Amino acid sequence: MLFAHELLAFVANINAAISAEPKPAHKTAQRRAFASKGMVIYMKKIIAILSALFIITTAFSGCGKIQTMQIDTSSEGNFKSVEDDTKEVPVYSEKEINAPTPKYVKYSKTVEAESGTLKGNAKVSKKVKGYKGKGYVEGLSSDGKGTLSVKFSPKIKQYYDITLRIMTKNEVVNAFAVNGNEIKRFASSGSGKFETVSFKNQYIDEDSFTVSVVAYDGEIAVDNIKVEASDDISNLSFEFKNKPKLINKSKNKNTLKLYNSILKNYGKKILSGQYASVGTNNELELIYKTTGKYPAIRCGDMLSYTSDSLEVNETEQAIEWAKKGGIVSYMWHWESPEDSAYYADETSFDLSKAVTDKNIAELSIKEIEKLQKDGKISKECVELVKDIDTVSKQLLRLKELDIPVLWRPLHDASRKNAGFWWGAKGFKSYNWLWRLMYERQTKYFKLDNLIWVWSAQSKDWYVGDKYCDIISADIYDNGSESSQIESFLSLYDISKNKPITLSECANTPDISNMVRDKAMWSWFGVWSGNYIMNDDGSLSEKYITKDRLIEVYNNNKVITLNSAWK
């Protein structure tokens, strides 16, 4: 067993070296390989051999047994339970999460800033017109020499919308605080006129509390502060007006079973998910070793199949995961056909040049190439279809084994900073590509095992209820325990007839906060690499502590591998 562990560590170290990439400001994408393609292929072959040796070694060792699932490729296509040897892991008692949602009680109060508590250099001014009351407060500073706080005493523990009426002469970033604890930062317009900034659905469990502005640069004036009870969460319902049906009208038994399970648990329980580094299951094994439980969902990336620099057998990992009874999810860091980059500022590929009104979704590649030869479609269009076909053939392998896939292509399309090429040319081009991919994969490849997950992030980019089964958000906030209810509500506003999921995150929100706030995401997907794992393969607690991770995987609200299909 010692040899097996040493072998796994060696494999992990090689893979980490190959995969290292500096983090973008927003998130760490799936890491690139060495610049030398020949070296990459060589090293990947070593990893494959060592990984195989590790599997062979560990197959004959272990202390306990867990219930796993295997794929039945017969016409029935059901998942059957089998027993599989495994290593000894920690066992934790399941925590009962009981966090009732506070009832809404009407409350509204506005306090003029000059009526608050001013200290140091903070003073009342009337120089800029447009204020309400008898003036406004200026002279706030980050060094504490000028502060303003306003006290509210609603004596009701519930959710509040807090609105600041402020003015700045430059675009600056400041924050607001409750009882001296910074809650959220905000950016001002710098217009020199009074404007409002609102922070919705802040849960406050104090009978009395103070609201203050944290001025980082001292260039902010405050006119008044309003606190009003919010009924957004009390009005949140998980009952669908019409029960959603798969958009591709799939009759695949396992795909229907998975989607119906998601619908049944929606608002009641949350599926656990974890991204795995391409071609490995390292992060999932780490969670098992740490918490005693595997996540229900293995979140993977189709990156390697359209990348010139990363050649690994990714689909095989998903197949093995499905044999355990796990759920398979895929997204795709799609390197452009032109210059092998997925970030818009790193590629010259222009999606708008590919857009066509020709109905090409169900044509063969030869027929599509002929259209290009005849000058009816562009080279860019042909290259996109070829990449879609490449990935579709991998998804087809999963279909042939009756493995359903939570399929999330073209993610984060509306993102402006460090955005992707599939969103760089606006919604029209993105929407054309989404529909092309859907039609080709559904009709040409007959991929009825796909459950379509939309995550373009913006209401203006929504493809519509007819073109997705689930809507989702990617949230990176440096380890916050927040339930992310505001993002949940923004998606709820986009469509009330689709399950909502937290498709990517730096860490899982605190489970009690999610239950209390009714932020019952269908599942969460924690990002891979250094968001959960150090370079040596050990647990990284930068974004989530070990104790909180254990709690997340051992409670009555989160679904793990053993109950993934219930």
Protein backbone atom coordinates (compact mmCIF):
# COMPACT_ATOMS: atom_id res chain seq x y z
CA MET A 1 0.00 0.00 0.00
CA LEU A 2 2.94 2.32 0.73
CA PHE A 3 4.22 1.81 -2.78
CA ALA A 4 0.80 2.73 -4.19
CA HIS A 5 0.67 5.96 -2.20
CA GLU A 6 4.19 6.91 -3.27
CA LEU A 7 3.25 6.16 -6.88
CA LEU A 8 0.16 8.36 -6.66
CA ALA A 9 2.19 11.22 -5.17
CA PHE A 10 4.75 10.92 -7.96
CA VAL A 11 2.00 10.97 -10.61
CA ALA A 12 0.36 13.97 -8.95
CA ASN A 13 3.64 15.89 -8.84
CA ILE A 14 4.30 15.28 -12.55
CA ASN A 15 0.76 16.25 -13.47
CA ALA A 16 0.96 19.40 -11.33
CA ALA A 17 4.18 20.41 -13.05
CA ILE A 18 2.66 19.92 -16.47
CA SER A 19 -0.56 21.69 -15.52
CA ALA A 20 0.80 24.79 -13.84
CA GLU A 21 -0.50 28.12 -15.14
CA PRO A 22 -0.71 31.58 -13.55
CA LYS A 23 -4.22 32.35 -12.33
CA PRO A 24 -6.31 34.88 -14.26
CA ALA A 25 -7.87 37.61 -12.11
CA HIS A 26 -11.29 35.94 -12.14
CA LYS A 27 -10.46 32.25 -11.77
CA THR A 28 -7.95 29.54 -12.54
CA ALA A 29 -8.89 27.94 -15.84
CA GLN A 30 -7.83 24.38 -16.63
CA ARG A 31 -4.09 24.67 -16.70
CA ARG A 32 -2.03 24.45 -19.88
CA ALA A 33 0.75 21.97 -20.43
CA PHE A 34 4.44 22.57 -21.12
CA ALA A 35 5.20 24.78 -24.13
CA SER A 36 6.89 21.88 -25.83
CA LYS A 37 4.21 19.65 -27.33
CA GLY A 38 6.62 16.75 -27.66
CA MET A 39 7.54 16.95 -24.01
CA VAL A 40 3.89 17.10 -23.01
CA ILE A 41 2.96 13.97 -24.95
CA TYR A 42 5.97 12.14 -23.54
CA MET A 43 5.21 13.10 -19.95
CA LYS A 44 1.52 12.30 -20.35
CA LYS A 45 2.41 8.80 -21.50
CA ILE A 46 4.50 8.38 -18.35
CA ILE A 47 1.53 9.54 -16.26
CA ALA A 48 -0.81 7.12 -18.02
CA ILE A 49 1.56 4.20 -17.33
CA LEU A 50 2.08 5.20 -13.70
CA SER A 51 -1.63 5.75 -13.19
CA ALA A 52 -2.35 2.29 -14.55
CA LEU A 53 0.24 0.82 -12.19
CA PHE A 54 -1.38 2.66 -9.32
CA ILE A 55 -4.81 1.26 -10.18
CA ILE A 56 -3.39 -2.25 -10.43
CA THR A 57 -1.57 -1.84 -7.10
CA THR A 58 -4.51 -0.46 -5.16
CA ALA A 59 -6.97 -2.94 -6.65
CA PHE A 60 -5.59 -5.61 -4.34
CA SER A 61 -5.51 -3.56 -1.14
CA GLY A 62 -7.95 -1.71 1.08
CA CYS A 63 -9.68 -2.09 4.42
CA GLY A 64 -13.34 -1.25 3.94
CA LYS A 65 -16.07 -1.58 1.37
CA ILE A 66 -18.30 1.03 -0.20
CA GLN A 67 -21.40 0.73 -2.32
CA THR A 68 -20.60 1.68 -5.92
CA MET A 69 -22.44 1.42 -9.23
CA GLN A 70 -21.60 -0.12 -12.56
CA ILE A 71 -22.92 0.58 -16.04
CA ASP A 72 -25.24 -1.96 -17.56
CA THR A 73 -24.92 -1.55 -21.31
CA SER A 74 -27.89 -3.81 -22.04
CA SER A 75 -31.10 -2.42 -23.49
CA GLU A 76 -32.38 -1.76 -19.97
CA GLY A 77 -29.53 0.67 -19.35
CA ASN A 78 -29.92 0.71 -15.56
CA PHE A 79 -27.26 1.32 -12.92
CA LYS A 80 -26.73 -1.70 -10.67
CA SER A 81 -25.08 -1.72 -7.24
CA VAL A 82 -21.86 -3.67 -6.75
CA GLU A 83 -19.31 -3.74 -3.96
CA ASP A 84 -15.80 -2.48 -4.48
CA ASP A 85 -12.80 -2.64 -2.19
CA THR A 86 -11.48 0.70 -1.03
CA LYS A 87 -8.98 2.15 1.38
CA GLU A 88 -9.80 3.04 4.96
CA VAL A 89 -11.23 6.54 5.24
CA PRO A 90 -12.43 8.75 8.10
CA VAL A 91 -16.04 8.40 9.21
CA TYR A 92 -18.00 11.40 10.47
CA SER A 93 -21.47 11.58 11.93
CA GLU A 94 -24.06 13.32 9.80
CA LYS A 95 -25.04 16.76 11.01
CA GLU A 96 -28.70 17.68 11.05
CA ILE A 97 -29.06 21.11 9.44
CA ASN A 98 -31.97 23.02 10.88
CA ALA A 99 -31.86 26.65 9.80
CA PRO A 100 -35.41 27.99 9.37
CA THR A 101 -35.94 30.96 7.09
CA PRO A 102 -37.00 34.09 9.04
CA LYS A 103 -40.49 35.39 8.36
CA TYR A 104 -40.91 38.71 6.62
CA VAL A 105 -42.13 41.60 8.80
CA LYS A 106 -42.64 45.00 7.20
CA TYR A 107 -40.09 47.62 8.23
CA SER A 108 -38.71 50.76 6.56
CA LYS A 109 -36.67 53.64 7.91
CA THR A 110 -34.48 56.33 6.35
CA VAL A 111 -31.97 58.23 8.49
CA GLU A 112 -30.25 61.38 7.25
CA ALA A 113 -26.49 61.08 7.59
CA GLU A 114 -26.20 64.30 9.59
CA SER A 115 -28.37 62.64 12.27
CA GLY A 116 -25.91 59.78 12.69
CA THR A 117 -22.81 59.52 14.85
CA LEU A 118 -19.93 61.55 13.40
CA LYS A 119 -16.38 61.22 14.69
CA GLY A 120 -13.08 62.89 13.90
CA ASN A 121 -12.92 64.72 10.59
CA ALA A 122 -16.44 63.74 9.52
CA LYS A 123 -18.59 66.83 9.19
CA VAL A 124 -21.88 68.09 7.79
CA SER A 125 -21.65 69.98 4.51
CA LYS A 126 -24.01 71.76 2.10
CA LYS A 127 -21.58 72.65 -0.70
CA VAL A 128 -22.99 70.22 -3.30
CA LYS A 129 -26.66 70.71 -4.09
CA GLY A 130 -29.13 67.87 -4.43
CA TYR A 131 -28.93 66.54 -0.88
CA LYS A 132 -31.97 65.76 1.23
CA GLY A 133 -32.51 66.83 4.82
CA LYS A 134 -30.22 69.46 6.29
CA GLY A 135 -27.03 68.46 4.48
CA TYR A 136 -24.72 65.52 3.93
CA VAL A 137 -21.63 64.10 5.63
CA GLU A 138 -18.14 64.31 4.17
CA GLY A 139 -14.61 63.91 5.53
CA LEU A 140 -14.74 60.12 5.87
CA SER A 141 -11.34 58.45 5.69
CA SER A 142 -9.86 54.98 5.71
CA ASP A 143 -7.49 55.74 8.59
CA GLY A 144 -10.39 56.04 11.02
CA LYS A 145 -9.96 59.78 11.55
CA GLY A 146 -13.35 60.47 9.99
CA THR A 147 -16.25 58.02 10.53
CA LEU A 148 -20.02 57.93 10.24
CA SER A 149 -22.40 55.35 11.71
CA VAL A 150 -26.18 55.23 11.77
CA LYS A 151 -28.12 53.08 14.23
CA PHE A 152 -31.29 51.15 13.42
CA SER A 153 -33.43 49.25 15.94
CA PRO A 154 -36.09 47.22 14.13
CA LYS A 155 -35.93 44.46 16.79
CA ILE A 156 -36.67 41.92 14.05
CA LYS A 157 -34.16 39.35 12.83
CA GLN A 158 -34.74 39.06 9.10
CA TYR A 159 -33.56 40.14 5.63
CA TYR A 160 -33.06 43.81 4.85
CA ASP A 161 -32.27 45.90 1.80
CA ILE A 162 -29.74 48.58 2.73
CA THR A 163 -29.54 51.62 0.46
CA LEU A 164 -26.87 54.31 0.66
CA ARG A 165 -27.36 57.70 -0.97
CA ILE A 166 -23.81 58.80 -1.74
CA MET A 167 -21.78 61.17 -3.91
CA THR A 168 -18.22 60.96 -5.25
CA LYS A 169 -16.33 63.15 -7.69
CA ASN A 170 -14.24 60.24 -8.97
CA GLU A 171 -14.86 56.55 -9.65
CA VAL A 172 -13.84 54.97 -6.36
CA VAL A 173 -14.38 51.71 -4.50
CA ASN A 174 -15.69 51.81 -0.95
CA ALA A 175 -17.72 49.47 1.24
CA PHE A 176 -20.51 49.36 3.74
CA ALA A 177 -20.36 47.67 7.13
CA VAL A 178 -22.83 46.38 9.70
CA ASN A 179 -21.76 46.58 13.36
CA GLY A 180 -18.24 47.40 12.20
CA ASN A 181 -17.91 44.31 9.98
CA GLU A 182 -17.38 44.99 6.30
CA ILE A 183 -20.15 43.34 4.27
CA LYS A 184 -19.64 44.31 0.66
CA ARG A 185 -17.65 46.66 -1.53
CA PHE A 186 -19.14 48.86 -4.20
CA ALA A 187 -17.99 51.19 -6.96
CA SER A 188 -19.35 54.71 -7.42
CA SER A 189 -19.89 56.44 -10.76
CA GLY A 190 -17.84 59.52 -9.87
CA SER A 191 -20.49 61.78 -11.42
CA GLY A 192 -20.30 64.40 -8.66
CA LYS A 193 -24.05 63.96 -8.16
CA PHE A 194 -25.94 62.05 -5.47
CA GLU A 195 -26.78 58.46 -6.40
CA THR A 196 -28.08 55.38 -4.60
CA VAL A 197 -26.29 52.08 -4.05
CA SER A 198 -28.38 49.16 -2.75
CA PHE A 199 -27.42 45.91 -1.06
CA LYS A 200 -30.31 43.50 -1.10
CA ASN A 201 -31.31 40.68 1.22
CA GLN A 202 -28.78 41.20 3.98
CA TYR A 203 -29.60 38.88 6.86
CA ILE A 204 -29.17 40.66 10.20
CA ASP A 205 -29.76 38.70 13.39
CA GLU A 206 -29.46 41.61 15.81
CA ASP A 207 -32.32 43.59 17.37
CA SER A 208 -30.26 46.74 16.85
CA PHE A 209 -27.38 47.39 14.49
CA THR A 210 -25.31 50.19 13.04
CA VAL A 211 -24.64 50.79 9.35
CA SER A 212 -21.48 52.62 8.33
CA VAL A 213 -19.54 53.42 5.18
CA VAL A 214 -15.96 52.20 4.90
CA ALA A 215 -14.14 54.93 2.97
CA TYR A 216 -10.92 53.63 1.52
CA ASP A 217 -9.83 56.91 -0.02
CA GLY A 218 -11.86 59.50 1.86
CA GLU A 219 -13.56 60.82 -1.26
CA ILE A 220 -17.14 59.88 -0.52
CA ALA A 221 -20.04 61.86 0.87
CA VAL A 222 -23.12 60.26 2.43
CA ASP A 223 -26.57 61.88 2.26
CA ASN A 224 -28.71 59.25 3.97
CA ILE A 225 -29.06 55.53 4.72
CA LYS A 226 -32.24 53.54 4.28
CA VAL A 227 -33.01 50.12 5.79
CA GLU A 228 -36.07 48.26 4.52
CA ALA A 229 -37.25 44.71 5.18
CA SER A 230 -37.12 42.46 2.09
CA ASP A 231 -39.73 39.85 1.15
CA ASP A 232 -37.72 38.46 -1.81
CA ILE A 233 -36.70 35.30 0.03
CA SER A 234 -40.07 34.70 1.68
CA ASN A 235 -41.64 34.84 -1.81
CA LEU A 236 -39.08 32.43 -3.31
CA SER A 237 -40.79 29.21 -4.41
CA PHE A 238 -39.35 25.95 -5.72
CA GLU A 239 -42.64 24.80 -7.16
CA PHE A 240 -42.67 24.85 -10.94
CA LYS A 241 -45.76 26.25 -12.63
CA ASN A 242 -45.29 23.55 -15.25
CA LYS A 243 -43.00 20.61 -14.56
CA PRO A 244 -39.91 21.06 -16.77
CA LYS A 245 -39.24 18.48 -19.45
CA LEU A 246 -35.97 17.79 -21.23
CA ILE A 247 -35.71 20.16 -24.18
CA ASN A 248 -34.39 17.44 -26.50
CA LYS A 249 -37.44 15.28 -25.67
CA SER A 250 -35.09 12.50 -24.65
CA LYS A 251 -36.50 9.07 -23.85
CA ASN A 252 -33.16 7.79 -22.58
CA LYS A 253 -34.01 6.12 -19.27
CA ASN A 254 -30.90 7.14 -17.34
CA THR A 255 -31.06 10.73 -18.62
CA LEU A 256 -34.71 11.01 -17.61
CA LYS A 257 -33.91 9.42 -14.27
CA LEU A 258 -31.16 11.93 -13.54
CA TYR A 259 -33.23 14.96 -14.59
CA ASN A 260 -36.23 13.79 -12.59
CA SER A 261 -33.98 13.27 -9.58
CA ILE A 262 -32.72 16.84 -9.93
CA LEU A 263 -36.30 18.12 -10.12
CA LYS A 264 -37.37 16.03 -7.13
CA ASN A 265 -34.54 17.29 -4.91
CA TYR A 266 -34.70 20.90 -6.06
CA GLY A 267 -35.29 23.16 -3.06
CA LYS A 268 -34.83 20.25 -0.65
CA LYS A 269 -31.30 18.92 -1.10
CA ILE A 270 -28.10 19.93 -2.90
CA LEU A 271 -25.92 17.65 -5.02
CA SER A 272 -22.20 17.91 -4.25
CA GLY A 273 -19.87 18.44 -7.18
CA GLN A 274 -16.14 18.77 -7.70
CA TYR A 275 -14.07 19.68 -10.78
CA ALA A 276 -11.24 17.30 -11.57
CA SER A 277 -8.01 18.30 -13.26
CA VAL A 278 -8.13 17.14 -16.87
CA GLY A 279 -7.45 13.42 -17.17
CA THR A 280 -7.45 12.73 -13.41
CA ASN A 281 -9.70 12.19 -10.43
CA ASN A 282 -7.20 13.63 -7.95
CA GLU A 283 -9.50 16.24 -6.43
CA LEU A 284 -12.30 13.72 -5.89
CA GLU A 285 -9.97 11.29 -4.17
CA LEU A 286 -8.73 14.12 -1.95
CA ILE A 287 -12.28 14.94 -0.87
CA TYR A 288 -12.92 11.27 -0.10
CA LYS A 289 -9.73 11.06 1.94
CA THR A 290 -10.65 14.24 3.83
CA THR A 291 -14.40 13.89 4.41
CA GLY A 292 -15.09 10.18 4.10
CA LYS A 293 -17.46 10.89 1.21
CA TYR A 294 -17.14 11.24 -2.55
CA PRO A 295 -18.99 14.06 -4.30
CA ALA A 296 -22.05 13.05 -6.29
CA ILE A 297 -20.86 14.80 -9.46
CA ARG A 298 -17.53 14.66 -11.24
CA CYS A 299 -17.23 17.91 -13.16
CA GLY A 300 -14.90 17.57 -16.12
CA ASP A 301 -13.58 19.62 -19.02
CA MET A 302 -13.48 18.62 -22.70
CA LEU A 303 -10.44 20.90 -23.15
CA SER A 304 -7.99 18.16 -24.08
CA TYR A 305 -9.90 17.01 -27.18
CA THR A 306 -9.58 20.33 -28.99
CA SER A 307 -6.23 21.41 -27.60
CA ASP A 308 -2.87 21.08 -29.33
CA SER A 309 -1.00 21.15 -26.04
CA LEU A 310 -2.92 18.75 -23.79
CA GLU A 311 -3.47 15.13 -24.82
CA VAL A 312 -5.02 13.00 -22.09
CA ASN A 313 -7.75 10.40 -21.89
CA GLU A 314 -10.44 12.41 -20.14
CA THR A 315 -13.56 10.50 -21.16
CA GLU A 316 -12.19 7.32 -19.59
CA GLN A 317 -12.19 9.06 -16.21
CA ALA A 318 -15.86 9.94 -16.63
CA ILE A 319 -16.71 6.34 -17.54
CA GLU A 320 -14.96 5.05 -14.44
CA TRP A 321 -16.80 7.61 -12.36
CA ALA A 322 -20.15 6.52 -13.77
CA LYS A 323 -19.27 2.91 -12.92
CA LYS A 324 -19.05 4.04 -9.29
CA GLY A 325 -22.57 5.41 -9.54
CA GLY A 326 -21.41 8.99 -9.91
CA ILE A 327 -22.97 11.70 -12.04
CA VAL A 328 -20.98 13.06 -14.99
CA SER A 329 -20.83 16.76 -15.81
CA TYR A 330 -18.84 18.42 -18.57
CA MET A 331 -17.97 21.95 -19.62
CA TRP A 332 -15.54 22.94 -22.36
CA HIS A 333 -12.64 25.39 -22.42
CA TRP A 334 -12.81 25.56 -26.18
CA GLU A 335 -9.52 26.65 -27.71
CA SER A 336 -10.27 28.55 -30.89
CA PRO A 337 -9.45 26.70 -34.13
CA GLU A 338 -7.22 29.58 -35.17
CA ASP A 339 -4.63 29.95 -32.44
CA SER A 340 -5.33 27.55 -29.57
CA ALA A 341 -6.56 30.07 -27.02
CA TYR A 342 -9.91 30.43 -25.31
CA TYR A 343 -9.52 33.92 -23.85
CA ALA A 344 -10.70 36.62 -26.26
CA ASP A 345 -7.63 38.80 -25.73
CA GLU A 346 -5.33 35.90 -26.66
CA THR A 347 -6.92 34.94 -29.97
CA SER A 348 -7.68 36.68 -33.24
CA PHE A 349 -10.54 34.28 -33.96
CA ASP A 350 -13.72 36.19 -34.87
CA LEU A 351 -16.92 34.27 -34.15
CA SER A 352 -19.05 36.73 -36.09
CA LYS A 353 -17.31 35.61 -39.31
CA ALA A 354 -18.64 32.09 -38.75
CA VAL A 355 -22.30 33.07 -38.37
CA THR A 356 -24.46 31.95 -41.26
CA ASP A 357 -28.15 31.66 -42.02
CA LYS A 358 -27.53 28.35 -43.80
CA ASN A 359 -29.05 25.34 -42.05
CA ILE A 360 -25.88 23.32 -41.56
CA ALA A 361 -26.59 21.53 -38.27
CA GLU A 362 -27.59 18.21 -39.85
CA LEU A 363 -25.17 18.18 -42.78
CA SER A 364 -22.09 15.98 -43.03
CA ILE A 365 -18.67 17.56 -42.88
CA LYS A 366 -18.21 16.90 -46.59
CA GLU A 367 -21.43 18.76 -47.35
CA ILE A 368 -20.38 21.64 -45.10
CA GLU A 369 -16.93 21.83 -46.71
CA LYS A 370 -18.59 21.98 -50.11
CA LEU A 371 -20.62 24.99 -48.96
CA GLN A 372 -17.33 26.66 -48.02
CA LYS A 373 -15.79 25.75 -51.38
CA ASP A 374 -18.80 27.32 -53.09
CA GLY A 375 -18.30 30.50 -51.05
CA LYS A 376 -21.56 30.12 -49.12
CA ILE A 377 -20.04 29.79 -45.62
CA SER A 378 -16.70 30.76 -44.10
CA LYS A 379 -13.66 28.77 -43.09
CA GLU A 380 -14.35 29.80 -39.48
CA CYS A 381 -17.77 28.18 -39.68
CA VAL A 382 -16.34 24.88 -40.94
CA GLU A 383 -13.65 24.81 -38.25
CA LEU A 384 -16.21 25.35 -35.50
CA VAL A 385 -18.33 22.46 -36.72
CA LYS A 386 -15.27 20.19 -36.85
CA ASP A 387 -14.51 20.98 -33.19
CA ILE A 388 -18.13 20.41 -32.19
CA ASP A 389 -17.96 17.05 -33.95
CA THR A 390 -14.74 16.12 -32.16
CA VAL A 391 -16.28 16.71 -28.75
CA SER A 392 -19.59 15.15 -29.80
CA LYS A 393 -17.81 11.89 -30.58
CA GLN A 394 -16.55 11.78 -26.99
CA LEU A 395 -20.03 12.47 -25.67
CA LEU A 396 -21.29 9.74 -28.00
CA ARG A 397 -19.03 7.26 -26.22
CA LEU A 398 -20.85 8.11 -23.00
CA LYS A 399 -24.24 7.77 -24.69
CA GLU A 400 -23.32 4.29 -25.93
CA LEU A 401 -22.80 3.31 -22.28
CA ASP A 402 -26.10 4.94 -21.23
CA ILE A 403 -24.26 7.61 -19.23
CA PRO A 404 -26.15 10.93 -19.02
CA VAL A 405 -24.14 14.14 -18.99
CA LEU A 406 -24.85 17.51 -17.40
CA TRP A 407 -23.54 19.43 -20.45
CA ARG A 408 -22.48 23.07 -19.90
CA PRO A 409 -20.87 24.53 -23.04
CA LEU A 410 -20.04 28.18 -23.83
CA HIS A 411 -19.85 29.20 -20.18
CA ASP A 412 -19.40 32.76 -18.89
CA ALA A 413 -20.15 34.23 -22.32
CA SER A 414 -21.19 37.65 -21.04
CA ARG A 415 -18.02 38.18 -19.04
CA LYS A 416 -16.15 41.32 -20.09
CA ASN A 417 -12.92 41.06 -18.10
CA ALA A 418 -10.79 38.11 -19.26
CA GLY A 419 -13.74 36.97 -21.35
CA PHE A 420 -13.90 34.09 -23.79
CA TRP A 421 -13.94 34.29 -27.59
CA TRP A 422 -17.43 32.77 -27.80
CA GLY A 423 -18.79 35.84 -26.02
CA ALA A 424 -16.53 38.53 -27.46
CA LYS A 425 -18.78 39.33 -30.44
CA GLY A 426 -21.98 39.78 -28.50
CA PHE A 427 -25.17 37.86 -27.89
CA LYS A 428 -26.23 37.38 -31.51
CA SER A 429 -23.11 35.42 -32.44
CA TYR A 430 -23.10 33.52 -29.15
CA ASN A 431 -26.77 32.58 -29.52
CA TRP A 432 -26.17 31.35 -33.07
CA LEU A 433 -23.31 29.14 -31.86
CA TRP A 434 -25.35 27.77 -28.93
CA ARG A 435 -28.22 26.81 -31.21
CA LEU A 436 -25.89 25.33 -33.83
CA MET A 437 -24.27 23.17 -31.18
CA TYR A 438 -27.62 22.12 -29.73
CA GLU A 439 -29.12 21.22 -33.11
CA ARG A 440 -26.02 19.37 -34.30
CA GLN A 441 -25.52 17.38 -31.13
CA THR A 442 -29.21 16.61 -30.70
CA LYS A 443 -30.22 15.86 -34.31
CA TYR A 444 -27.05 14.91 -36.19
CA PHE A 445 -25.33 12.96 -33.42
CA LYS A 446 -28.57 11.92 -31.67
CA LEU A 447 -27.08 12.78 -28.28
CA ASP A 448 -30.18 12.28 -26.17
CA ASN A 449 -28.05 11.76 -23.05
CA LEU A 450 -27.29 15.49 -22.66
CA ILE A 451 -28.95 17.72 -20.06
CA TRP A 452 -28.24 21.28 -21.23
CA VAL A 453 -26.93 23.72 -18.63
CA TRP A 454 -26.79 27.44 -19.49
CA SER A 455 -24.29 29.67 -17.67
CA ALA A 456 -23.76 32.80 -19.73
CA GLN A 457 -24.47 34.74 -16.51
CA SER A 458 -26.56 37.64 -17.84
CA LYS A 459 -30.30 37.95 -18.42
CA ASP A 460 -29.56 39.66 -21.74
CA TRP A 461 -27.70 36.53 -22.86
CA TYR A 462 -30.36 33.97 -22.01
CA VAL A 463 -30.93 31.45 -24.81
CA GLY A 464 -34.53 30.86 -23.70
CA ASP A 465 -36.40 28.07 -21.93
CA LYS A 466 -36.59 26.08 -25.19
CA TYR A 467 -32.81 25.76 -25.40
CA CYS A 468 -31.68 24.78 -21.91
CA ASP A 469 -32.72 22.48 -19.07
CA ILE A 470 -30.92 24.14 -16.17
CA ILE A 471 -29.59 27.67 -15.54
CA SER A 472 -26.50 28.41 -13.50
CA ALA A 473 -23.96 30.91 -12.20
CA ASP A 474 -20.17 30.86 -11.72
CA ILE A 475 -19.16 32.67 -8.52
CA TYR A 476 -15.64 33.33 -7.23
CA ASP A 477 -15.54 35.41 -4.04
CA ASN A 478 -12.37 34.34 -2.22
CA GLY A 479 -13.82 31.95 0.32
CA SER A 480 -16.95 33.77 1.49
CA GLU A 481 -19.43 31.70 3.50
CA SER A 482 -22.30 33.61 1.88
CA SER A 483 -25.17 31.55 0.47
CA GLN A 484 -24.95 33.67 -2.71
CA ILE A 485 -28.69 34.26 -2.51
CA GLU A 486 -28.47 37.41 -4.63
CA SER A 487 -27.06 35.47 -7.57
CA PHE A 488 -29.66 32.79 -7.00
CA LEU A 489 -32.45 35.37 -7.11
CA SER A 490 -31.05 36.97 -10.26
CA LEU A 491 -31.25 33.58 -12.02
CA TYR A 492 -34.71 33.02 -10.57
CA ASP A 493 -35.68 36.27 -12.23
CA ILE A 494 -34.42 34.96 -15.58
CA SER A 495 -36.53 31.79 -15.44
CA LYS A 496 -38.76 30.44 -12.71
CA ASN A 497 -39.30 27.21 -14.58
CA LYS A 498 -35.74 25.87 -14.56
CA PRO A 499 -33.63 24.36 -11.74
CA ILE A 500 -30.81 26.68 -10.67
CA THR A 501 -27.27 25.57 -9.93
CA LEU A 502 -23.94 26.97 -8.73
CA SER A 503 -21.96 25.61 -11.65
CA GLU A 504 -18.54 26.92 -10.55
CA CYS A 505 -17.28 28.30 -7.26
CA ALA A 506 -14.06 28.84 -5.36
CA ASN A 507 -15.60 27.17 -2.33
CA THR A 508 -18.92 25.82 -1.19
CA PRO A 509 -21.08 28.35 0.65
CA ASP A 510 -21.83 27.57 4.28
CA ILE A 511 -24.53 24.89 4.22
CA SER A 512 -26.56 26.44 7.07
CA ASN A 513 -26.57 29.80 5.29
CA MET A 514 -27.83 28.16 2.10
CA VAL A 515 -30.68 26.44 3.93
CA ARG A 516 -31.63 29.53 5.94
CA ASP A 517 -31.56 31.80 2.88
CA LYS A 518 -33.38 29.26 0.66
CA ALA A 519 -30.39 29.37 -1.70
CA MET A 520 -30.90 25.70 -2.47
CA TRP A 521 -28.69 25.31 -5.52
CA SER A 522 -29.33 22.08 -7.45
CA TRP A 523 -25.63 21.40 -7.10
CA PHE A 524 -22.34 23.15 -6.50
CA GLY A 525 -19.12 22.62 -8.44
CA VAL A 526 -15.90 23.61 -6.67
CA TRP A 527 -13.12 24.46 -9.11
CA SER A 528 -10.10 22.22 -9.44
CA GLY A 529 -6.38 22.63 -8.76
CA ASN A 530 -5.29 25.13 -6.16
CA TYR A 531 -8.85 26.03 -5.22
CA ILE A 532 -9.00 22.73 -3.32
CA MET A 533 -5.56 21.10 -3.59
CA ASN A 534 -1.97 22.12 -2.96
CA ASP A 535 0.80 21.28 -5.41
CA ASP A 536 1.79 18.26 -3.30
CA GLY A 537 -1.75 16.85 -3.45
CA SER A 538 -2.73 17.85 0.08
CA LEU A 539 -5.85 19.81 0.95
CA SER A 540 -5.65 23.56 0.42
CA GLU A 541 -7.60 25.56 3.00
CA LYS A 542 -7.20 28.88 1.22
CA TYR A 543 -10.86 29.02 0.23
CA ILE A 544 -12.53 26.48 2.49
CA THR A 545 -11.32 25.04 5.78
CA LYS A 546 -11.04 21.34 6.40
CA ASP A 547 -13.71 21.49 9.11
CA ARG A 548 -16.19 23.25 6.86
CA LEU A 549 -15.50 20.83 3.99
CA ILE A 550 -16.18 17.92 6.34
CA GLU A 551 -19.45 19.56 7.41
CA VAL A 552 -20.48 20.17 3.80
CA TYR A 553 -20.08 16.48 2.98
CA ASN A 554 -21.62 15.12 6.19
CA ASN A 555 -25.10 16.53 6.68
CA ASN A 556 -28.71 15.79 5.79
CA LYS A 557 -28.97 18.41 3.03
CA VAL A 558 -26.04 17.58 0.72
CA ILE A 559 -26.19 14.54 -1.55
CA THR A 560 -22.94 12.60 -1.96
CA LEU A 561 -21.95 9.68 -4.20
CA ASN A 562 -23.77 6.90 -2.34
CA SER A 563 -27.14 8.61 -2.81
CA ALA A 564 -26.45 10.44 -6.09
CA TRP A 565 -29.38 8.89 -7.96
CA LYS A 566 -32.01 9.01 -5.22
